[in-house]
Amino acid sequence: MASSKEYLDFILEQLSGLDGISFRAMMGEYILYLHGKIIGGVYDDRFLVKPTKSAVAMMPDADLEIPYEGAKEMLLVDNVDNREFLKGLLTAMYDELPAPGRKKQPR
């Protein structure tokens, strides 16, 4: 099942207090970025984030879910209605996320 544009728009609205949020559509789902770093995404109308130490600490009871077949587990964010929580979560995660990869130049 692909994610709806409406759910993506809802999540983006909830994250609107943060500068640097962007997304990329990929195979019916949406990868979310904060200042170019992948934070997670919207998969099957679920907001999932990478399981960084900060994210696990802030959501100790969160379910680990697989965004798509063959992917690593991610944390399900249940508290999507709380904008302040989401802002704090992504801000806390940011320094633990890997730097964005460089795109390979065509030869």
PDB file of N, CA and C in Angstrom:
ATOM      1  N   MET A   1       0.845  -1.183   0.000  1.00  0.00           N
ATOM      2  CA  MET A   1       0.000   0.000   0.000  1.00  0.00           C
ATOM      3  C   MET A   1       0.887   1.243   0.000  1.00  0.00           C
ATOM      4  N   ALA A   2       0.660   2.129  -0.887  1.00  0.00           N
ATOM      5  CA  ALA A   2       1.416   3.383  -0.950  1.00  0.00           C
ATOM      6  C   ALA A   2       0.833   4.395   0.031  1.00  0.00           C
ATOM      7  N   SER A   3       1.650   5.345   0.403  1.00  0.00           N
ATOM      8  CA  SER A   3       1.199   6.407   1.311  1.00  0.00           C
ATOM      9  C   SER A   3       0.410   7.449   0.535  1.00  0.00           C
ATOM     10  N   SER A   4      -0.526   8.073   1.233  1.00  0.00           N
ATOM     11  CA  SER A   4      -1.330   9.112   0.592  1.00  0.00           C
ATOM     12  C   SER A   4      -0.611  10.454   0.692  1.00  0.00           C
ATOM     13  N   LYS A   5      -0.832  11.291  -0.300  1.00  0.00           N
ATOM     14  CA  LYS A   5      -0.284  12.644  -0.291  1.00  0.00           C
ATOM     15  C   LYS A   5      -0.877  13.422   0.878  1.00  0.00           C
ATOM     16  N   GLU A   6      -2.120  13.110   1.243  1.00  0.00           N
ATOM     17  CA  GLU A   6      -2.772  13.794   2.356  1.00  0.00           C
ATOM     18  C   GLU A   6      -2.043  13.525   3.676  1.00  0.00           C
ATOM     19  N   TYR A   7      -1.620  12.272   3.896  1.00  0.00           N
ATOM     20  CA  TYR A   7      -0.903  11.966   5.139  1.00  0.00           C
ATOM     21  C   TYR A   7       0.467  12.643   5.128  1.00  0.00           C
ATOM     22  N   LEU A   8       1.152  12.626   3.990  1.00  0.00           N
ATOM     23  CA  LEU A   8       2.430  13.336   3.889  1.00  0.00           C
ATOM     24  C   LEU A   8       2.225  14.813   4.222  1.00  0.00           C
ATOM     25  N   ASP A   9       1.201  15.430   3.639  1.00  0.00           N
ATOM     26  CA  ASP A   9       0.931  16.848   3.899  1.00  0.00           C
ATOM     27  C   ASP A   9       0.661  17.099   5.382  1.00  0.00           C
ATOM     28  N   PHE A  10      -0.044  16.178   6.039  1.00  0.00           N
ATOM     29  CA  PHE A  10      -0.305  16.302   7.471  1.00  0.00           C
ATOM     30  C   PHE A  10       1.007  16.273   8.257  1.00  0.00           C
ATOM     31  N   ILE A  11       1.887  15.320   7.959  1.00  0.00           N
ATOM     32  CA  ILE A  11       3.173  15.214   8.662  1.00  0.00           C
ATOM     33  C   ILE A  11       4.020  16.453   8.397  1.00  0.00           C
ATOM     34  N   LEU A  12       4.053  16.913   7.147  1.00  0.00           N
ATOM     35  CA  LEU A  12       4.825  18.124   6.836  1.00  0.00           C
ATOM     36  C   LEU A  12       4.278  19.334   7.579  1.00  0.00           C
ATOM     37  N   GLU A  13       2.970  19.426   7.718  1.00  0.00           N
ATOM     38  CA  GLU A  13       2.372  20.517   8.486  1.00  0.00           C
ATOM     39  C   GLU A  13       2.776  20.421   9.956  1.00  0.00           C
ATOM     40  N   GLN A  14       2.797  19.207  10.486  1.00  0.00           N
ATOM     41  CA  GLN A  14       3.198  19.007  11.887  1.00  0.00           C
ATOM     42  C   GLN A  14       4.665  19.389  12.096  1.00  0.00           C
ATOM     43  N   LEU A  15       5.482  19.252  11.061  1.00  0.00           N
ATOM     44  CA  LEU A  15       6.909  19.564  11.148  1.00  0.00           C
ATOM     45  C   LEU A  15       7.230  20.983  10.683  1.00  0.00           C
ATOM     46  N   SER A  16       6.203  21.776  10.409  1.00  0.00           N
ATOM     47  CA  SER A  16       6.425  23.092   9.811  1.00  0.00           C
ATOM     48  C   SER A  16       7.178  24.050  10.733  1.00  0.00           C
ATOM     49  N   GLY A  17       7.285  23.747  12.020  1.00  0.00           N
ATOM     50  CA  GLY A  17       8.046  24.580  12.931  1.00  0.00           C
ATOM     51  C   GLY A  17       9.548  24.397  12.816  1.00  0.00           C
ATOM     52  N   LEU A  18       9.969  23.427  12.043  1.00  0.00           N
ATOM     53  CA  LEU A  18      11.393  23.151  11.833  1.00  0.00           C
ATOM     54  C   LEU A  18      11.836  23.668  10.478  1.00  0.00           C
ATOM     55  N   ASP A  19      12.961  24.363  10.446  1.00  0.00           N
ATOM     56  CA  ASP A  19      13.541  24.769   9.165  1.00  0.00           C
ATOM     57  C   ASP A  19      14.297  23.590   8.585  1.00  0.00           C
ATOM     58  N   GLY A  20      14.340  23.503   7.271  1.00  0.00           N
ATOM     59  CA  GLY A  20      15.171  22.505   6.618  1.00  0.00           C
ATOM     60  C   GLY A  20      14.517  21.167   6.376  1.00  0.00           C
ATOM     61  N   ILE A  21      13.191  21.066   6.511  1.00  0.00           N
ATOM     62  CA  ILE A  21      12.498  19.813   6.228  1.00  0.00           C
ATOM     63  C   ILE A  21      12.228  19.740   4.728  1.00  0.00           C
ATOM     64  N   SER A  22      12.561  18.594   4.143  1.00  0.00           N
ATOM     65  CA  SER A  22      12.248  18.359   2.733  1.00  0.00           C
ATOM     66  C   SER A  22      11.887  16.889   2.567  1.00  0.00           C
ATOM     67  N   PHE A  23      11.409  16.542   1.387  1.00  0.00           N
ATOM     68  CA  PHE A  23      11.050  15.146   1.142  1.00  0.00           C
ATOM     69  C   PHE A  23      11.321  14.787  -0.301  1.00  0.00           C
ATOM     70  N   ARG A  24      11.366  13.483  -0.531  1.00  0.00           N
ATOM     71  CA  ARG A  24      11.514  12.959  -1.886  1.00  0.00           C
ATOM     72  C   ARG A  24      10.560  11.770  -2.021  1.00  0.00           C
ATOM     73  N   ALA A  25       9.770  11.778  -3.060  1.00  0.00           N
ATOM     74  CA  ALA A  25       8.884  10.653  -3.336  1.00  0.00           C
ATOM     75  C   ALA A  25       9.710   9.511  -3.909  1.00  0.00           C
ATOM     76  N   MET A  26       9.432   8.300  -3.412  1.00  0.00           N
ATOM     77  CA  MET A  26      10.152   7.144  -3.906  1.00  0.00           C
ATOM     78  C   MET A  26       9.250   5.917  -3.841  1.00  0.00           C
ATOM     79  N   MET A  27       8.869   5.415  -4.983  1.00  0.00           N
ATOM     80  CA  MET A  27       8.063   4.201  -5.108  1.00  0.00           C
ATOM     81  C   MET A  27       6.787   4.237  -4.263  1.00  0.00           C
ATOM     82  N   GLY A  28       6.082   5.351  -4.291  1.00  0.00           N
ATOM     83  CA  GLY A  28       4.819   5.471  -3.584  1.00  0.00           C
ATOM     84  C   GLY A  28       4.956   5.840  -2.119  1.00  0.00           C
ATOM     85  N   GLU A  29       6.177   6.016  -1.662  1.00  0.00           N
ATOM     86  CA  GLU A  29       6.431   6.408  -0.279  1.00  0.00           C
ATOM     87  C   GLU A  29       7.211   7.720  -0.299  1.00  0.00           C
ATOM     88  N   TYR A  30       7.537   8.255   0.886  1.00  0.00           N
ATOM     89  CA  TYR A  30       8.203   9.546   0.963  1.00  0.00           C
ATOM     90  C   TYR A  30       9.339   9.501   1.983  1.00  0.00           C
ATOM     91  N   ILE A  31      10.535   9.836   1.544  1.00  0.00           N
ATOM     92  CA  ILE A  31      11.683   9.927   2.431  1.00  0.00           C
ATOM     93  C   ILE A  31      11.756  11.366   2.927  1.00  0.00           C
ATOM     94  N   LEU A  32      11.937  11.532   4.241  1.00  0.00           N
ATOM     95  CA  LEU A  32      11.989  12.863   4.830  1.00  0.00           C
ATOM     96  C   LEU A  32      13.417  13.203   5.239  1.00  0.00           C
ATOM     97  N   TYR A  33      13.774  14.459   5.021  1.00  0.00           N
ATOM     98  CA  TYR A  33      15.125  14.957   5.300  1.00  0.00           C
ATOM     99  C   TYR A  33      15.050  16.159   6.223  1.00  0.00           C
ATOM    100  N   LEU A  34      16.090  16.312   7.054  1.00  0.00           N
ATOM    101  CA  LEU A  34      16.276  17.515   7.851  1.00  0.00           C
ATOM    102  C   LEU A  34      17.655  18.040   7.504  1.00  0.00           C
ATOM    103  N   HIS A  35      17.708  19.205   6.868  1.00  0.00           N
ATOM    104  CA  HIS A  35      18.966  19.793   6.390  1.00  0.00           C
ATOM    105  C   HIS A  35      19.800  18.773   5.613  1.00  0.00           C
ATOM    106  N   GLY A  36      19.134  18.016   4.750  1.00  0.00           N
ATOM    107  CA  GLY A  36      19.820  17.081   3.871  1.00  0.00           C
ATOM    108  C   GLY A  36      20.093  15.705   4.453  1.00  0.00           C
ATOM    109  N   LYS A  37      19.885  15.522   5.757  1.00  0.00           N
ATOM    110  CA  LYS A  37      20.086  14.212   6.382  1.00  0.00           C
ATOM    111  C   LYS A  37      18.757  13.459   6.420  1.00  0.00           C
ATOM    112  N   ILE A  38      18.792  12.173   6.098  1.00  0.00           N
ATOM    113  CA  ILE A  38      17.573  11.365   6.140  1.00  0.00           C
ATOM    114  C   ILE A  38      17.192  11.116   7.598  1.00  0.00           C
ATOM    115  N   ILE A  39      15.963  11.508   7.958  1.00  0.00           N
ATOM    116  CA  ILE A  39      15.481  11.282   9.318  1.00  0.00           C
ATOM    117  C   ILE A  39      14.535  10.095   9.388  1.00  0.00           C
ATOM    118  N   GLY A  40      13.915   9.780   8.274  1.00  0.00           N
ATOM    119  CA  GLY A  40      12.929   8.706   8.234  1.00  0.00           C
ATOM    120  C   GLY A  40      12.041   8.905   7.035  1.00  0.00           C
ATOM    121  N   GLY A  41      10.758   8.617   7.221  1.00  0.00           N
ATOM    122  CA  GLY A  41       9.861   8.796   6.101  1.00  0.00           C
ATOM    123  C   GLY A  41       8.433   8.431   6.420  1.00  0.00           C
ATOM    124  N   VAL A  42       7.609   8.560   5.411  1.00  0.00           N
ATOM    125  CA  VAL A  42       6.210   8.172   5.486  1.00  0.00           C
ATOM    126  C   VAL A  42       6.066   6.920   4.635  1.00  0.00           C
ATOM    127  N   TYR A  43       5.726   5.828   5.296  1.00  0.00           N
ATOM    128  CA  TYR A  43       5.603   4.522   4.651  1.00  0.00           C
ATOM    129  C   TYR A  43       4.256   3.925   5.034  1.00  0.00           C
ATOM    130  N   ASP A  44       3.439   3.590   4.059  1.00  0.00           N
ATOM    131  CA  ASP A  44       2.107   3.028   4.309  1.00  0.00           C
ATOM    132  C   ASP A  44       1.325   3.884   5.309  1.00  0.00           C
ATOM    133  N   ASP A  45       1.385   5.194   5.120  1.00  0.00           N
ATOM    134  CA  ASP A  45       0.709   6.156   5.997  1.00  0.00           C
ATOM    135  C   ASP A  45       1.119   5.987   7.464  1.00  0.00           C
ATOM    136  N   ARG A  46       2.405   5.712   7.669  1.00  0.00           N
ATOM    137  CA  ARG A  46       3.003   5.670   9.008  1.00  0.00           C
ATOM    138  C   ARG A  46       4.235   6.569   8.973  1.00  0.00           C
ATOM    139  N   PHE A  47       4.454   7.342  10.037  1.00  0.00           N
ATOM    140  CA  PHE A  47       5.649   8.166  10.153  1.00  0.00           C
ATOM    141  C   PHE A  47       6.685   7.354  10.925  1.00  0.00           C
ATOM    142  N   LEU A  48       7.751   6.978  10.238  1.00  0.00           N
ATOM    143  CA  LEU A  48       8.820   6.182  10.833  1.00  0.00           C
ATOM    144  C   LEU A  48      10.104   6.992  10.821  1.00  0.00           C
ATOM    145  N   VAL A  49      10.898   6.866  11.909  1.00  0.00           N
ATOM    146  CA  VAL A  49      12.182   7.556  11.993  1.00  0.00           C
ATOM    147  C   VAL A  49      13.289   6.549  12.275  1.00  0.00           C
ATOM    148  N   LYS A  50      14.510   6.956  11.959  1.00  0.00           N
ATOM    149  CA  LYS A  50      15.663   6.106  12.228  1.00  0.00           C
ATOM    150  C   LYS A  50      15.806   5.899  13.737  1.00  0.00           C
ATOM    151  N   PRO A  51      16.190   4.704  14.150  1.00  0.00           N
ATOM    152  CA  PRO A  51      16.285   4.407  15.587  1.00  0.00           C
ATOM    153  C   PRO A  51      17.597   4.886  16.209  1.00  0.00           C
ATOM    154  N   THR A  52      17.793   6.190  16.252  1.00  0.00           N
ATOM    155  CA  THR A  52      18.989   6.749  16.884  1.00  0.00           C
ATOM    156  C   THR A  52      18.845   6.615  18.406  1.00  0.00           C
ATOM    157  N   LYS A  53      19.952   6.811  19.121  1.00  0.00           N
ATOM    158  CA  LYS A  53      19.904   6.729  20.589  1.00  0.00           C
ATOM    159  C   LYS A  53      18.896   7.720  21.161  1.00  0.00           C
ATOM    160  N   SER A  54      18.905   8.934  20.633  1.00  0.00           N
ATOM    161  CA  SER A  54      17.974   9.957  21.120  1.00  0.00           C
ATOM    162  C   SER A  54      16.522   9.573  20.859  1.00  0.00           C
ATOM    163  N   ALA A  55      16.244   9.060  19.676  1.00  0.00           N
ATOM    164  CA  ALA A  55      14.871   8.678  19.333  1.00  0.00           C
ATOM    165  C   ALA A  55      14.392   7.541  20.228  1.00  0.00           C
ATOM    166  N   VAL A  56      15.245   6.555  20.465  1.00  0.00           N
ATOM    167  CA  VAL A  56      14.878   5.437  21.340  1.00  0.00           C
ATOM    168  C   VAL A  56      14.644   5.943  22.768  1.00  0.00           C
ATOM    169  N   ALA A  57      15.503   6.861  23.231  1.00  0.00           N
ATOM    170  CA  ALA A  57      15.352   7.414  24.577  1.00  0.00           C
ATOM    171  C   ALA A  57      14.053   8.201  24.724  1.00  0.00           C
ATOM    172  N   MET A  58      13.669   8.923  23.674  1.00  0.00           N
ATOM    173  CA  MET A  58      12.457   9.740  23.737  1.00  0.00           C
ATOM    174  C   MET A  58      11.182   8.931  23.515  1.00  0.00           C
ATOM    175  N   MET A  59      11.325   7.759  22.872  1.00  0.00           N
ATOM    176  CA  MET A  59      10.166   6.901  22.596  1.00  0.00           C
ATOM    177  C   MET A  59      10.518   5.455  22.977  1.00  0.00           C
ATOM    178  N   PRO A  60      10.743   5.194  24.274  1.00  0.00           N
ATOM    179  CA  PRO A  60      11.208   3.867  24.680  1.00  0.00           C
ATOM    180  C   PRO A  60      10.220   2.741  24.387  1.00  0.00           C
ATOM    181  N   ASP A  61       8.949   3.049  24.274  1.00  0.00           N
ATOM    182  CA  ASP A  61       7.945   2.021  24.021  1.00  0.00           C
ATOM    183  C   ASP A  61       7.500   1.966  22.561  1.00  0.00           C
ATOM    184  N   ALA A  62       8.197   2.700  21.697  1.00  0.00           N
ATOM    185  CA  ALA A  62       7.807   2.737  20.281  1.00  0.00           C
ATOM    186  C   ALA A  62       8.023   1.376  19.630  1.00  0.00           C
ATOM    187  N   ASP A  63       7.126   1.046  18.723  1.00  0.00           N
ATOM    188  CA  ASP A  63       7.253  -0.196  17.957  1.00  0.00           C
ATOM    189  C   ASP A  63       8.333  -0.040  16.902  1.00  0.00           C
ATOM    190  N   LEU A  64       9.101  -1.099  16.702  1.00  0.00           N
ATOM    191  CA  LEU A  64      10.042  -1.151  15.583  1.00  0.00           C
ATOM    192  C   LEU A  64       9.295  -1.776  14.415  1.00  0.00           C
ATOM    193  N   GLU A  65       9.282  -1.084  13.288  1.00  0.00           N
ATOM    194  CA  GLU A  65       8.558  -1.574  12.121  1.00  0.00           C
ATOM    195  C   GLU A  65       9.448  -1.494  10.889  1.00  0.00           C
ATOM    196  N   ILE A  66       9.158  -2.343   9.943  1.00  0.00           N
ATOM    197  CA  ILE A  66       9.910  -2.365   8.688  1.00  0.00           C
ATOM    198  C   ILE A  66       9.162  -1.502   7.679  1.00  0.00           C
ATOM    199  N   PRO A  67       9.827  -0.471   7.141  1.00  0.00           N
ATOM    200  CA  PRO A  67       9.129   0.423   6.209  1.00  0.00           C
ATOM    201  C   PRO A  67       8.737  -0.258   4.898  1.00  0.00           C
ATOM    202  N   TYR A  68       9.576  -1.164   4.430  1.00  0.00           N
ATOM    203  CA  TYR A  68       9.301  -1.922   3.211  1.00  0.00           C
ATOM    204  C   TYR A  68      10.175  -3.172   3.263  1.00  0.00           C
ATOM    205  N   GLU A  69       9.822  -4.147   2.464  1.00  0.00           N
ATOM    206  CA  GLU A  69      10.524  -5.428   2.485  1.00  0.00           C
ATOM    207  C   GLU A  69      12.018  -5.244   2.205  1.00  0.00           C
ATOM    208  N   GLY A  70      12.835  -5.825   3.073  1.00  0.00           N
ATOM    209  CA  GLY A  70      14.281  -5.758   2.900  1.00  0.00           C
ATOM    210  C   GLY A  70      14.938  -4.575   3.587  1.00  0.00           C
ATOM    211  N   ALA A  71      14.151  -3.691   4.204  1.00  0.00           N
ATOM    212  CA  ALA A  71      14.704  -2.502   4.861  1.00  0.00           C
ATOM    213  C   ALA A  71      14.997  -2.781   6.329  1.00  0.00           C
ATOM    214  N   LYS A  72      15.825  -1.918   6.913  1.00  0.00           N
ATOM    215  CA  LYS A  72      16.105  -1.992   8.350  1.00  0.00           C
ATOM    216  C   LYS A  72      14.899  -1.467   9.127  1.00  0.00           C
ATOM    217  N   GLU A  73      14.753  -1.963  10.353  1.00  0.00           N
ATOM    218  CA  GLU A  73      13.652  -1.518  11.191  1.00  0.00           C
ATOM    219  C   GLU A  73      13.798  -0.038  11.550  1.00  0.00           C
ATOM    220  N   MET A  74      12.654   0.601  11.683  1.00  0.00           N
ATOM    221  CA  MET A  74      12.598   2.005  12.079  1.00  0.00           C
ATOM    222  C   MET A  74      11.574   2.139  13.198  1.00  0.00           C
ATOM    223  N   LEU A  75      11.624   3.256  13.908  1.00  0.00           N
ATOM    224  CA  LEU A  75      10.696   3.508  15.008  1.00  0.00           C
ATOM    225  C   LEU A  75       9.411   4.151  14.504  1.00  0.00           C
ATOM    226  N   LEU A  76       8.287   3.611  14.936  1.00  0.00           N
ATOM    227  CA  LEU A  76       6.987   4.185  14.602  1.00  0.00           C
ATOM    228  C   LEU A  76       6.714   5.346  15.546  1.00  0.00           C
ATOM    229  N   VAL A  77       6.435   6.515  14.981  1.00  0.00           N
ATOM    230  CA  VAL A  77       6.108   7.693  15.778  1.00  0.00           C
ATOM    231  C   VAL A  77       4.589   7.736  15.931  1.00  0.00           C
ATOM    232  N   ASP A  78       4.129   7.455  17.144  1.00  0.00           N
ATOM    233  CA  ASP A  78       2.689   7.478  17.418  1.00  0.00           C
ATOM    234  C   ASP A  78       2.191   8.874  17.751  1.00  0.00           C
ATOM    235  N   ASN A  79       3.075   9.703  18.307  1.00  0.00           N
ATOM    236  CA  ASN A  79       2.684  11.007  18.832  1.00  0.00           C
ATOM    237  C   ASN A  79       2.762  12.095  17.749  1.00  0.00           C
ATOM    238  N   VAL A  80       2.162  11.843  16.603  1.00  0.00           N
ATOM    239  CA  VAL A  80       2.275  12.773  15.477  1.00  0.00           C
ATOM    240  C   VAL A  80       1.424  14.030  15.647  1.00  0.00           C
ATOM    241  N   ASP A  81       0.536  14.044  16.639  1.00  0.00           N
ATOM    242  CA  ASP A  81      -0.295  15.230  16.854  1.00  0.00           C
ATOM    243  C   ASP A  81       0.409  16.293  17.694  1.00  0.00           C
ATOM    244  N   ASN A  82       1.531  15.950  18.309  1.00  0.00           N
ATOM    245  CA  ASN A  82       2.236  16.856  19.212  1.00  0.00           C
ATOM    246  C   ASN A  82       3.416  17.491  18.480  1.00  0.00           C
ATOM    247  N   ARG A  83       3.212  18.703  17.981  1.00  0.00           N
ATOM    248  CA  ARG A  83       4.245  19.389  17.197  1.00  0.00           C
ATOM    249  C   ARG A  83       5.520  19.627  17.995  1.00  0.00           C
ATOM    250  N   GLU A  84       5.378  20.017  19.263  1.00  0.00           N
ATOM    251  CA  GLU A  84       6.563  20.287  20.090  1.00  0.00           C
ATOM    252  C   GLU A  84       7.377  19.013  20.294  1.00  0.00           C
ATOM    253  N   PHE A  85       6.706  17.891  20.506  1.00  0.00           N
ATOM    254  CA  PHE A  85       7.404  16.614  20.650  1.00  0.00           C
ATOM    255  C   PHE A  85       8.166  16.286  19.365  1.00  0.00           C
ATOM    256  N   LEU A  86       7.508  16.436  18.229  1.00  0.00           N
ATOM    257  CA  LEU A  86       8.152  16.130  16.947  1.00  0.00           C
ATOM    258  C   LEU A  86       9.371  17.015  16.710  1.00  0.00           C
ATOM    259  N   LYS A  87       9.243  18.292  17.016  1.00  0.00           N
ATOM    260  CA  LYS A  87      10.367  19.221  16.855  1.00  0.00           C
ATOM    261  C   LYS A  87      11.530  18.792  17.749  1.00  0.00           C
ATOM    262  N   GLY A  88      11.244  18.468  19.004  1.00  0.00           N
ATOM    263  CA  GLY A  88      12.283  18.018  19.924  1.00  0.00           C
ATOM    264  C   GLY A  88      12.912  16.714  19.490  1.00  0.00           C
ATOM    265  N   LEU A  89      12.094  15.797  18.992  1.00  0.00           N
ATOM    266  CA  LEU A  89      12.585  14.498  18.534  1.00  0.00           C
ATOM    267  C   LEU A  89      13.573  14.665  17.392  1.00  0.00           C
ATOM    268  N   LEU A  90      13.185  15.385  16.362  1.00  0.00           N
ATOM    269  CA  LEU A  90      14.051  15.525  15.189  1.00  0.00           C
ATOM    270  C   LEU A  90      15.293  16.344  15.500  1.00  0.00           C
ATOM    271  N   THR A  91      15.149  17.353  16.353  1.00  0.00           N
ATOM    272  CA  THR A  91      16.305  18.150  16.757  1.00  0.00           C
ATOM    273  C   THR A  91      17.305  17.276  17.517  1.00  0.00           C
ATOM    274  N   ALA A  92      16.812  16.440  18.422  1.00  0.00           N
ATOM    275  CA  ALA A  92      17.683  15.553  19.197  1.00  0.00           C
ATOM    276  C   ALA A  92      18.376  14.525  18.302  1.00  0.00           C
ATOM    277  N   MET A  93      17.665  14.038  17.294  1.00  0.00           N
ATOM    278  CA  MET A  93      18.215  13.017  16.395  1.00  0.00           C
ATOM    279  C   MET A  93      19.284  13.560  15.454  1.00  0.00           C
ATOM    280  N   TYR A  94      19.192  14.813  15.098  1.00  0.00           N
ATOM    281  CA  TYR A  94      19.963  15.371  13.986  1.00  0.00           C
ATOM    282  C   TYR A  94      21.464  15.080  14.066  1.00  0.00           C
ATOM    283  N   ASP A  95      22.095  15.348  15.202  1.00  0.00           N
ATOM    284  CA  ASP A  95      23.545  15.169  15.301  1.00  0.00           C
ATOM    285  C   ASP A  95      23.969  13.711  15.213  1.00  0.00           C
ATOM    286  N   GLU A  96      23.056  12.783  15.479  1.00  0.00           N
ATOM    287  CA  GLU A  96      23.372  11.355  15.425  1.00  0.00           C
ATOM    288  C   GLU A  96      23.225  10.762  14.026  1.00  0.00           C
ATOM    289  N   LEU A  97      22.645  11.512  13.135  1.00  0.00           N
ATOM    290  CA  LEU A  97      22.408  11.008  11.775  1.00  0.00           C
ATOM    291  C   LEU A  97      23.654  11.188  10.915  1.00  0.00           C
ATOM    292  N   PRO A  98      23.889  10.239  10.007  1.00  0.00           N
ATOM    293  CA  PRO A  98      25.050  10.389   9.122  1.00  0.00           C
ATOM    294  C   PRO A  98      24.883  11.563   8.169  1.00  0.00           C
ATOM    295  N   ALA A  99      26.004  12.123   7.785  1.00  0.00           N
ATOM    296  CA  ALA A  99      26.002  13.219   6.817  1.00  0.00           C
ATOM    297  C   ALA A  99      25.431  12.714   5.495  1.00  0.00           C
ATOM    298  N   PRO A 100      24.829  13.598   4.735  1.00  0.00           N
ATOM    299  CA  PRO A 100      24.288  13.176   3.443  1.00  0.00           C
ATOM    300  C   PRO A 100      25.407  12.659   2.539  1.00  0.00           C
ATOM    301  N   GLY A 101      25.080  11.607   1.790  1.00  0.00           N
ATOM    302  CA  GLY A 101      26.062  11.056   0.848  1.00  0.00           C
ATOM    303  C   GLY A 101      26.220  11.956  -0.357  1.00  0.00           C
ATOM    304  N   ARG A 102      27.378  11.879  -0.946  1.00  0.00           N
ATOM    305  CA  ARG A 102      27.614  12.665  -2.166  1.00  0.00           C
ATOM    306  C   ARG A 102      27.074  11.902  -3.351  1.00  0.00           C
ATOM    307  N   LYS A 103      26.471  12.624  -4.267  1.00  0.00           N
ATOM    308  CA  LYS A 103      25.978  11.999  -5.489  1.00  0.00           C
ATOM    309  C   LYS A 103      27.168  11.708  -6.399  1.00  0.00           C
ATOM    310  N   LYS A 104      27.110  10.547  -7.004  1.00  0.00           N
ATOM    311  CA  LYS A 104      28.180  10.180  -7.942  1.00  0.00           C
ATOM    312  C   LYS A 104      27.996  10.953  -9.246  1.00  0.00           C
ATOM    313  N   GLN A 105      29.083  11.468  -9.728  1.00  0.00           N
ATOM    314  CA  GLN A 105      29.046  12.207 -10.993  1.00  0.00           C
ATOM    315  C   GLN A 105      29.090  11.197 -12.153  1.00  0.00           C
ATOM    316  N   PRO A 106      28.284  11.422 -13.178  1.00  0.00           N
ATOM    317  CA  PRO A 106      28.336  10.528 -14.343  1.00  0.00           C
ATOM    318  C   PRO A 106      29.696  10.660 -15.039  1.00  0.00           C
ATOM    319  N   ARG A 107      30.137   9.563 -15.578  1.00  0.00           N
ATOM    320  CA  ARG A 107      31.437   9.562 -16.279  1.00  0.00           C
ATOM    321  C   ARG A 107      31.251   9.797 -17.748  1.00  0.00           C
TER     322      ARG A 107
END
